[in-house]
Amino acid sequence: MDKPQFDALIARHGIPLTEAEKEGIRAVSGHILAFAQRVRTPREAGAEMAVTFAPKAVTP
């Protein structure tokens, strides 16, 4: 997101940030968006650890 768009977004939501804070957030925003895209990617059932976990039988 370019600086004018980011400034407009922050102003629209009334978030009081210093210029240093704004630049810090803008610097990592691309990484955050990429992470969010990977998290939303559907995975196969085998990728879920709970599917591969087989607890041992409890012996009284």
C-alpha atoms as a PDB file:
ATOM      1  CA  MET A   1       0.000   0.000   0.000  1.00  0.00           C
ATOM      2  CA  ASP A   2       1.438   3.354  -0.922  1.00  0.00           C
ATOM      3  CA  LYS A   3       1.835   6.183   1.588  1.00  0.00           C
ATOM      4  CA  PRO A   4      -1.230   8.277   0.599  1.00  0.00           C
ATOM      5  CA  GLN A   5      -3.517   5.224   0.778  1.00  0.00           C
ATOM      6  CA  PHE A   6      -2.071   4.197   4.123  1.00  0.00           C
ATOM      7  CA  ASP A   7      -2.396   7.719   5.556  1.00  0.00           C
ATOM      8  CA  ALA A   8      -6.014   7.878   4.393  1.00  0.00           C
ATOM      9  CA  LEU A   9      -6.781   4.505   5.990  1.00  0.00           C
ATOM     10  CA  ILE A  10      -5.237   5.525   9.306  1.00  0.00           C
ATOM     11  CA  ALA A  11      -7.040   8.890   9.242  1.00  0.00           C
ATOM     12  CA  ARG A  12     -10.390   7.256   8.388  1.00  0.00           C
ATOM     13  CA  HIS A  13     -10.133   5.043  11.468  1.00  0.00           C
ATOM     14  CA  GLY A  14      -8.830   7.842  13.694  1.00  0.00           C
ATOM     15  CA  ILE A  15      -5.695   6.015  14.795  1.00  0.00           C
ATOM     16  CA  PRO A  16      -3.177   8.481  16.259  1.00  0.00           C
ATOM     17  CA  LEU A  17       0.279   7.424  15.048  1.00  0.00           C
ATOM     18  CA  THR A  18       3.593   9.228  14.784  1.00  0.00           C
ATOM     19  CA  GLU A  19       5.375   9.299  11.438  1.00  0.00           C
ATOM     20  CA  ALA A  20       7.877   6.731  12.753  1.00  0.00           C
ATOM     21  CA  GLU A  21       5.056   4.382  13.765  1.00  0.00           C
ATOM     22  CA  LYS A  22       3.369   4.786  10.382  1.00  0.00           C
ATOM     23  CA  GLU A  23       6.569   3.965   8.528  1.00  0.00           C
ATOM     24  CA  GLY A  24       7.205   0.950  10.764  1.00  0.00           C
ATOM     25  CA  ILE A  25       3.750  -0.434  10.076  1.00  0.00           C
ATOM     26  CA  ARG A  26       4.038   0.232   6.353  1.00  0.00           C
ATOM     27  CA  ALA A  27       7.435  -1.509   6.306  1.00  0.00           C
ATOM     28  CA  VAL A  28       5.989  -4.780   7.623  1.00  0.00           C
ATOM     29  CA  SER A  29       2.553  -4.602   6.000  1.00  0.00           C
ATOM     30  CA  GLY A  30       3.686  -6.551   2.928  1.00  0.00           C
ATOM     31  CA  HIS A  31       4.954  -9.377   5.117  1.00  0.00           C
ATOM     32  CA  ILE A  32       1.709  -9.415   7.100  1.00  0.00           C
ATOM     33  CA  LEU A  33      -0.386  -9.589   3.925  1.00  0.00           C
ATOM     34  CA  ALA A  34       1.751 -12.452   2.577  1.00  0.00           C
ATOM     35  CA  PHE A  35       1.407 -14.303   5.889  1.00  0.00           C
ATOM     36  CA  ALA A  36      -2.375 -13.831   5.896  1.00  0.00           C
ATOM     37  CA  GLN A  37      -2.572 -15.228   2.370  1.00  0.00           C
ATOM     38  CA  ARG A  38      -0.603 -18.347   3.376  1.00  0.00           C
ATOM     39  CA  VAL A  39      -2.768 -18.862   6.469  1.00  0.00           C
ATOM     40  CA  ARG A  40      -5.951 -18.739   4.404  1.00  0.00           C
ATOM     41  CA  THR A  41      -4.661 -21.348   1.941  1.00  0.00           C
ATOM     42  CA  PRO A  42      -6.640 -24.601   2.308  1.00  0.00           C
ATOM     43  CA  ARG A  43      -4.504 -27.525   3.397  1.00  0.00           C
ATOM     44  CA  GLU A  44      -5.000 -31.255   2.947  1.00  0.00           C
ATOM     45  CA  ALA A  45      -6.163 -33.283   5.943  1.00  0.00           C
ATOM     46  CA  GLY A  46      -2.725 -34.819   6.439  1.00  0.00           C
ATOM     47  CA  ALA A  47      -1.276 -31.400   7.225  1.00  0.00           C
ATOM     48  CA  GLU A  48      -3.284 -31.293  10.448  1.00  0.00           C
ATOM     49  CA  MET A  49      -1.302 -32.862  13.272  1.00  0.00           C
ATOM     50  CA  ALA A  50      -4.439 -34.042  15.073  1.00  0.00           C
ATOM     51  CA  VAL A  51      -5.149 -36.360  12.136  1.00  0.00           C
ATOM     52  CA  THR A  52      -1.810 -38.143  12.514  1.00  0.00           C
ATOM     53  CA  PHE A  53      -1.879 -38.373  16.326  1.00  0.00           C
ATOM     54  CA  ALA A  54      -2.763 -41.809  17.670  1.00  0.00           C
ATOM     55  CA  PRO A  55      -2.900 -41.914  21.471  1.00  0.00           C
ATOM     56  CA  LYS A  56      -1.888 -45.104  23.230  1.00  0.00           C
ATOM     57  CA  ALA A  57      -4.642 -47.168  24.794  1.00  0.00           C
ATOM     58  CA  VAL A  58      -5.198 -46.445  28.485  1.00  0.00           C
ATOM     59  CA  THR A  59      -4.581 -49.492  30.640  1.00  0.00           C
ATOM     60  CA  PRO A  60      -6.452 -49.522  33.995  1.00  0.00           C
END
